[in-house]
Amino acid sequence: MFNNGSSLTQKLTYARTNFGFDVEFLWYVFPATLAGIVVEILIPGEKQSWTSRLRAISIWAVYILIGVSVSAVLQYCLGLLHIHPLVLIDLGKTAGSKTS
Protein backbone atom coordinates (compact mmCIF):
# COMPACT_ATOMS: atom_id res chain seq x y z
CA MET A 1 0.00 0.00 0.00
CA PHE A 2 2.72 2.49 1.02
CA ASN A 3 6.40 2.43 0.37
CA ASN A 4 8.79 3.48 3.11
CA GLY A 5 9.14 6.96 1.58
CA SER A 6 5.45 7.82 1.91
CA SER A 7 4.79 11.05 3.70
CA LEU A 8 2.42 11.43 6.62
CA THR A 9 0.23 13.66 4.42
CA GLN A 10 -0.20 10.85 1.88
CA LYS A 11 -1.13 8.39 4.61
CA LEU A 12 -3.66 10.79 6.18
CA THR A 13 -5.15 11.50 2.75
CA TYR A 14 -5.48 7.74 2.17
CA ALA A 15 -7.23 7.32 5.53
CA ARG A 16 -9.61 10.21 4.83
CA THR A 17 -10.46 8.84 1.40
CA ASN A 18 -10.83 5.17 2.28
CA PHE A 19 -12.01 5.20 5.88
CA GLY A 20 -14.09 8.37 5.82
CA PHE A 21 -12.62 10.01 8.93
CA ASP A 22 -9.74 12.18 9.87
CA VAL A 23 -7.02 10.13 11.57
CA GLU A 24 -5.68 13.31 13.19
CA PHE A 25 -8.76 13.18 15.44
CA LEU A 26 -7.09 10.39 17.38
CA TRP A 27 -4.32 12.80 18.43
CA TYR A 28 -6.99 14.75 20.33
CA VAL A 29 -8.75 11.76 21.89
CA PHE A 30 -5.75 10.16 23.58
CA PRO A 31 -4.30 13.31 25.24
CA ALA A 32 -7.77 14.24 26.50
CA THR A 33 -8.14 10.75 27.94
CA LEU A 34 -4.74 10.93 29.62
CA ALA A 35 -5.61 14.36 31.07
CA GLY A 36 -8.80 12.89 32.54
CA ILE A 37 -6.84 10.04 34.07
CA VAL A 38 -4.35 12.45 35.69
CA VAL A 39 -7.17 14.59 37.09
CA GLU A 40 -8.90 11.49 38.44
CA ILE A 41 -5.75 10.40 40.24
CA LEU A 42 -4.78 13.83 41.61
CA ILE A 43 -8.15 15.05 42.90
CA PRO A 44 -8.95 13.51 46.27
CA GLY A 45 -12.21 11.65 46.40
CA GLU A 46 -13.25 8.17 47.27
CA LYS A 47 -10.31 5.98 48.02
CA GLN A 48 -9.89 3.55 45.16
CA SER A 49 -7.24 0.89 44.98
CA TRP A 50 -4.60 1.13 42.27
CA THR A 51 -5.81 -2.15 40.76
CA SER A 52 -9.33 -0.77 40.36
CA ARG A 53 -7.92 2.41 38.80
CA LEU A 54 -5.82 0.40 36.34
CA ARG A 55 -8.81 -1.77 35.48
CA ALA A 56 -10.89 1.38 34.89
CA ILE A 57 -8.19 2.85 32.62
CA SER A 58 -8.18 -0.27 30.47
CA ILE A 59 -11.99 -0.32 30.31
CA TRP A 60 -12.11 3.35 29.24
CA ALA A 61 -9.35 2.82 26.66
CA VAL A 62 -11.32 -0.05 25.09
CA TYR A 63 -14.53 2.01 25.26
CA ILE A 64 -12.93 4.97 23.46
CA LEU A 65 -11.29 2.80 20.80
CA ILE A 66 -14.58 0.99 20.11
CA GLY A 67 -16.45 4.30 19.94
CA VAL A 68 -13.98 5.85 17.50
CA SER A 69 -13.90 2.67 15.40
CA VAL A 70 -17.67 2.30 15.21
CA SER A 71 -17.99 5.98 14.31
CA ALA A 72 -15.41 5.61 11.53
CA VAL A 73 -17.02 2.46 10.11
CA LEU A 74 -20.49 4.01 10.24
CA GLN A 75 -19.27 7.15 8.48
CA TYR A 76 -17.57 5.01 5.84
CA CYS A 77 -20.70 2.89 5.26
CA LEU A 78 -22.91 5.97 5.01
CA GLY A 79 -20.47 7.39 2.47
CA LEU A 80 -20.73 4.19 0.40
CA LEU A 81 -24.51 4.56 0.40
CA HIS A 82 -24.16 8.23 -0.61
CA ILE A 83 -25.96 9.35 2.54
CA HIS A 84 -24.71 12.78 3.54
CA PRO A 85 -25.56 15.08 6.44
CA LEU A 86 -28.29 17.65 5.91
CA VAL A 87 -26.10 20.45 7.26
CA LEU A 88 -22.33 20.77 6.95
CA ILE A 89 -20.57 23.17 9.29
CA ASP A 90 -16.98 23.96 8.36
CA LEU A 91 -15.20 24.76 11.62
CA GLY A 92 -11.88 25.14 9.81
CA LYS A 93 -12.77 28.75 8.93
CA THR A 94 -13.47 29.84 12.48
CA ALA A 95 -11.45 32.60 14.09
CA GLY A 96 -8.12 31.36 15.36
CA SER A 97 -8.23 28.08 13.43
CA LYS A 98 -4.86 26.66 12.45
CA THR A 99 -6.23 25.16 9.21
CA SER A 100 -7.54 28.35 7.59
C-alpha atoms as a PDB file:
ATOM      1  CA  MET A   1       0.000   0.000   0.000  1.00  0.00           C
ATOM      2  CA  PHE A   2       2.718   2.486   1.016  1.00  0.00           C
ATOM      3  CA  ASN A   3       6.404   2.435   0.367  1.00  0.00           C
ATOM      4  CA  ASN A   4       8.785   3.482   3.111  1.00  0.00           C
ATOM      5  CA  GLY A   5       9.140   6.956   1.581  1.00  0.00           C
ATOM      6  CA  SER A   6       5.446   7.823   1.911  1.00  0.00           C
ATOM      7  CA  SER A   7       4.794  11.049   3.699  1.00  0.00           C
ATOM      8  CA  LEU A   8       2.416  11.431   6.616  1.00  0.00           C
ATOM      9  CA  THR A   9       0.225  13.662   4.423  1.00  0.00           C
ATOM     10  CA  GLN A  10      -0.196  10.850   1.876  1.00  0.00           C
ATOM     11  CA  LYS A  11      -1.133   8.392   4.612  1.00  0.00           C
ATOM     12  CA  LEU A  12      -3.655  10.790   6.176  1.00  0.00           C
ATOM     13  CA  THR A  13      -5.153  11.496   2.750  1.00  0.00           C
ATOM     14  CA  TYR A  14      -5.480   7.741   2.170  1.00  0.00           C
ATOM     15  CA  ALA A  15      -7.228   7.316   5.532  1.00  0.00           C
ATOM     16  CA  ARG A  16      -9.606  10.211   4.831  1.00  0.00           C
ATOM     17  CA  THR A  17     -10.462   8.840   1.397  1.00  0.00           C
ATOM     18  CA  ASN A  18     -10.829   5.170   2.283  1.00  0.00           C
ATOM     19  CA  PHE A  19     -12.014   5.200   5.876  1.00  0.00           C
ATOM     20  CA  GLY A  20     -14.089   8.373   5.824  1.00  0.00           C
ATOM     21  CA  PHE A  21     -12.622  10.009   8.929  1.00  0.00           C
ATOM     22  CA  ASP A  22      -9.736  12.184   9.871  1.00  0.00           C
ATOM     23  CA  VAL A  23      -7.015  10.134  11.574  1.00  0.00           C
ATOM     24  CA  GLU A  24      -5.678  13.313  13.192  1.00  0.00           C
ATOM     25  CA  PHE A  25      -8.760  13.181  15.438  1.00  0.00           C
ATOM     26  CA  LEU A  26      -7.087  10.387  17.381  1.00  0.00           C
ATOM     27  CA  TRP A  27      -4.320  12.799  18.425  1.00  0.00           C
ATOM     28  CA  TYR A  28      -6.993  14.753  20.326  1.00  0.00           C
ATOM     29  CA  VAL A  29      -8.750  11.761  21.893  1.00  0.00           C
ATOM     30  CA  PHE A  30      -5.754  10.164  23.582  1.00  0.00           C
ATOM     31  CA  PRO A  31      -4.303  13.311  25.243  1.00  0.00           C
ATOM     32  CA  ALA A  32      -7.772  14.238  26.503  1.00  0.00           C
ATOM     33  CA  THR A  33      -8.135  10.746  27.940  1.00  0.00           C
ATOM     34  CA  LEU A  34      -4.742  10.931  29.623  1.00  0.00           C
ATOM     35  CA  ALA A  35      -5.610  14.360  31.067  1.00  0.00           C
ATOM     36  CA  GLY A  36      -8.797  12.886  32.539  1.00  0.00           C
ATOM     37  CA  ILE A  37      -6.840  10.036  34.069  1.00  0.00           C
ATOM     38  CA  VAL A  38      -4.347  12.446  35.689  1.00  0.00           C
ATOM     39  CA  VAL A  39      -7.171  14.590  37.093  1.00  0.00           C
ATOM     40  CA  GLU A  40      -8.903  11.486  38.445  1.00  0.00           C
ATOM     41  CA  ILE A  41      -5.750  10.398  40.237  1.00  0.00           C
ATOM     42  CA  LEU A  42      -4.781  13.828  41.612  1.00  0.00           C
ATOM     43  CA  ILE A  43      -8.153  15.047  42.902  1.00  0.00           C
ATOM     44  CA  PRO A  44      -8.950  13.514  46.266  1.00  0.00           C
ATOM     45  CA  GLY A  45     -12.206  11.648  46.399  1.00  0.00           C
ATOM     46  CA  GLU A  46     -13.250   8.173  47.274  1.00  0.00           C
ATOM     47  CA  LYS A  47     -10.307   5.978  48.019  1.00  0.00           C
ATOM     48  CA  GLN A  48      -9.892   3.555  45.159  1.00  0.00           C
ATOM     49  CA  SER A  49      -7.236   0.888  44.978  1.00  0.00           C
ATOM     50  CA  TRP A  50      -4.604   1.130  42.270  1.00  0.00           C
ATOM     51  CA  THR A  51      -5.814  -2.148  40.763  1.00  0.00           C
ATOM     52  CA  SER A  52      -9.333  -0.774  40.364  1.00  0.00           C
ATOM     53  CA  ARG A  53      -7.920   2.407  38.798  1.00  0.00           C
ATOM     54  CA  LEU A  54      -5.816   0.396  36.336  1.00  0.00           C
ATOM     55  CA  ARG A  55      -8.809  -1.766  35.482  1.00  0.00           C
ATOM     56  CA  ALA A  56     -10.888   1.384  34.887  1.00  0.00           C
ATOM     57  CA  ILE A  57      -8.191   2.851  32.622  1.00  0.00           C
ATOM     58  CA  SER A  58      -8.182  -0.273  30.475  1.00  0.00           C
ATOM     59  CA  ILE A  59     -11.986  -0.317  30.306  1.00  0.00           C
ATOM     60  CA  TRP A  60     -12.108   3.349  29.238  1.00  0.00           C
ATOM     61  CA  ALA A  61      -9.353   2.817  26.657  1.00  0.00           C
ATOM     62  CA  VAL A  62     -11.322  -0.045  25.090  1.00  0.00           C
ATOM     63  CA  TYR A  63     -14.534   2.010  25.262  1.00  0.00           C
ATOM     64  CA  ILE A  64     -12.933   4.968  23.458  1.00  0.00           C
ATOM     65  CA  LEU A  65     -11.295   2.800  20.796  1.00  0.00           C
ATOM     66  CA  ILE A  66     -14.578   0.991  20.110  1.00  0.00           C
ATOM     67  CA  GLY A  67     -16.452   4.302  19.944  1.00  0.00           C
ATOM     68  CA  VAL A  68     -13.984   5.851  17.499  1.00  0.00           C
ATOM     69  CA  SER A  69     -13.896   2.670  15.397  1.00  0.00           C
ATOM     70  CA  VAL A  70     -17.670   2.304  15.214  1.00  0.00           C
ATOM     71  CA  SER A  71     -17.994   5.977  14.308  1.00  0.00           C
ATOM     72  CA  ALA A  72     -15.413   5.612  11.526  1.00  0.00           C
ATOM     73  CA  VAL A  73     -17.020   2.458  10.110  1.00  0.00           C
ATOM     74  CA  LEU A  74     -20.493   4.015  10.241  1.00  0.00           C
ATOM     75  CA  GLN A  75     -19.275   7.152   8.482  1.00  0.00           C
ATOM     76  CA  TYR A  76     -17.566   5.013   5.837  1.00  0.00           C
ATOM     77  CA  CYS A  77     -20.697   2.891   5.262  1.00  0.00           C
ATOM     78  CA  LEU A  78     -22.910   5.967   5.010  1.00  0.00           C
ATOM     79  CA  GLY A  79     -20.469   7.389   2.466  1.00  0.00           C
ATOM     80  CA  LEU A  80     -20.732   4.192   0.401  1.00  0.00           C
ATOM     81  CA  LEU A  81     -24.512   4.556   0.404  1.00  0.00           C
ATOM     82  CA  HIS A  82     -24.158   8.227  -0.610  1.00  0.00           C
ATOM     83  CA  ILE A  83     -25.957   9.355   2.538  1.00  0.00           C
ATOM     84  CA  HIS A  84     -24.713  12.784   3.537  1.00  0.00           C
ATOM     85  CA  PRO A  85     -25.558  15.084   6.444  1.00  0.00           C
ATOM     86  CA  LEU A  86     -28.288  17.650   5.907  1.00  0.00           C
ATOM     87  CA  VAL A  87     -26.099  20.453   7.255  1.00  0.00           C
ATOM     88  CA  LEU A  88     -22.332  20.770   6.946  1.00  0.00           C
ATOM     89  CA  ILE A  89     -20.575  23.168   9.293  1.00  0.00           C
ATOM     90  CA  ASP A  90     -16.978  23.965   8.362  1.00  0.00           C
ATOM     91  CA  LEU A  91     -15.201  24.757  11.623  1.00  0.00           C
ATOM     92  CA  GLY A  92     -11.884  25.144   9.806  1.00  0.00           C
ATOM     93  CA  LYS A  93     -12.768  28.748   8.926  1.00  0.00           C
ATOM     94  CA  THR A  94     -13.467  29.840  12.482  1.00  0.00           C
ATOM     95  CA  ALA A  95     -11.449  32.604  14.088  1.00  0.00           C
ATOM     96  CA  GLY A  96      -8.121  31.362  15.355  1.00  0.00           C
ATOM     97  CA  SER A  97      -8.232  28.084  13.434  1.00  0.00           C
ATOM     98  CA  LYS A  98      -4.859  26.661  12.448  1.00  0.00           C
ATOM     99  CA  THR A  99      -6.231  25.158   9.209  1.00  0.00           C
ATOM    100  CA  SER A 100      -7.545  28.347   7.590  1.00  0.00           C
END
